[in-house]
């Protein structure tokens, strides 16, 4: 299979994901057949390409990230096959998980072969940032959406915007740091608490790794650009001041003694599955309650099949200690390629650190496992690790 053709094919269907989400939004209970078909076609293409290039996945990765993420996927597949409450009903869930795991492996192979170029990443990042920015502003401008979800203007798309922040640190175009700043402002406007915490950790990492020097290197070509940034800052200040009580409410429930009401009710979503897990039989402590177990348990307890809004709660309840060990191994190996970057003098350290931080923090406050859009983050992780391993190979050959 021609690598360039399959890359264009996958990218086309990838770019169609947010477009089809706009045309067929799930919150309006619209027909979602086309979005699922689009993702299915992309998943099949990636699967075929991965099977054809298994040797690259197995033999080229010194960081072992390929092995661990594959092991994570195998765990999900086995649990789905043997413990799912309904194989048909849970099929879409296992496909969503497979989407981002295979997405990582696919873009790793493409990058290792030297086919995925930084210029292409520039176009990809700009397209998705524009689309998701439009989606967020459309969400905020709708009175019905604004009044929903306890009267707060909350949009999950702000998380998806964050997935492209690491990519922005890699690509080469003149105004990428202005775009990075705009993502920060849009995240602020969205009032998504976890996204704001995540972006805060990312910028702190820039400070502690001495990578904030880009501010001194910014060269604005015209007075208009300077005024444009200042206008955004002023408007953001006015917006935050006007909605100060809402921001205060969004963070105030992270404090206090009422654990079950913490984090917009997340305390209950966290505590019920965890309490069930640690008070259960040793078998369930070791291996968990099975695929998609949290929603089924919460439906029994509170009458609604909510997702736990935390990968940690999902893993520990559904997969037990076995799942936690494999998931911790995945997170460790997600950070591990960082050690090779300085040795190879590659400009990817901050971008990969952003990726690891975003995945780690989102896993706590919202969750990444069940979202196919996690593939956006995996594009950058796959690209960077592929580039690292390709450079290590060339260095060993010389």
Foldseek 3Di string as FASTA:
>chain_A
DDLLVLVVLLLVLVLCLLVLCVVAPVVVVGDCPVNVVSLVVNLVSLVVVCVVPVCCLPPQFPLCLSVLLVVLLVLQVVLLVPFNPDNVVCVLQNSLLSLQSSLLSSLLVCLLVVNDDLQNLVVSLVSLLVSLLVVLVVQCVDCVSCCPDVNHQADPSLLLNLLCLLSLLRHDDQCSVVSVVVSLLSNLVNLPVLSNVLVVVLVVVCVVVVNPCVVVVRDDPDPVVVVVSVVSVVVSVVVCVVCVVVNCVQQVLCDDDPQCPRRVRLSVLQPPLVVPQVVDDPVCQQAANGDLVSLVVCCVVPVGSDDSQALVSVQCHHGHPVSVVSVVVSLVSLQSLLVQCVVLVHSNNSSSVSLSSSQVSSNGRGRDSRGSSSSSNSSSSSNVSSNSSSSVVVVVVD
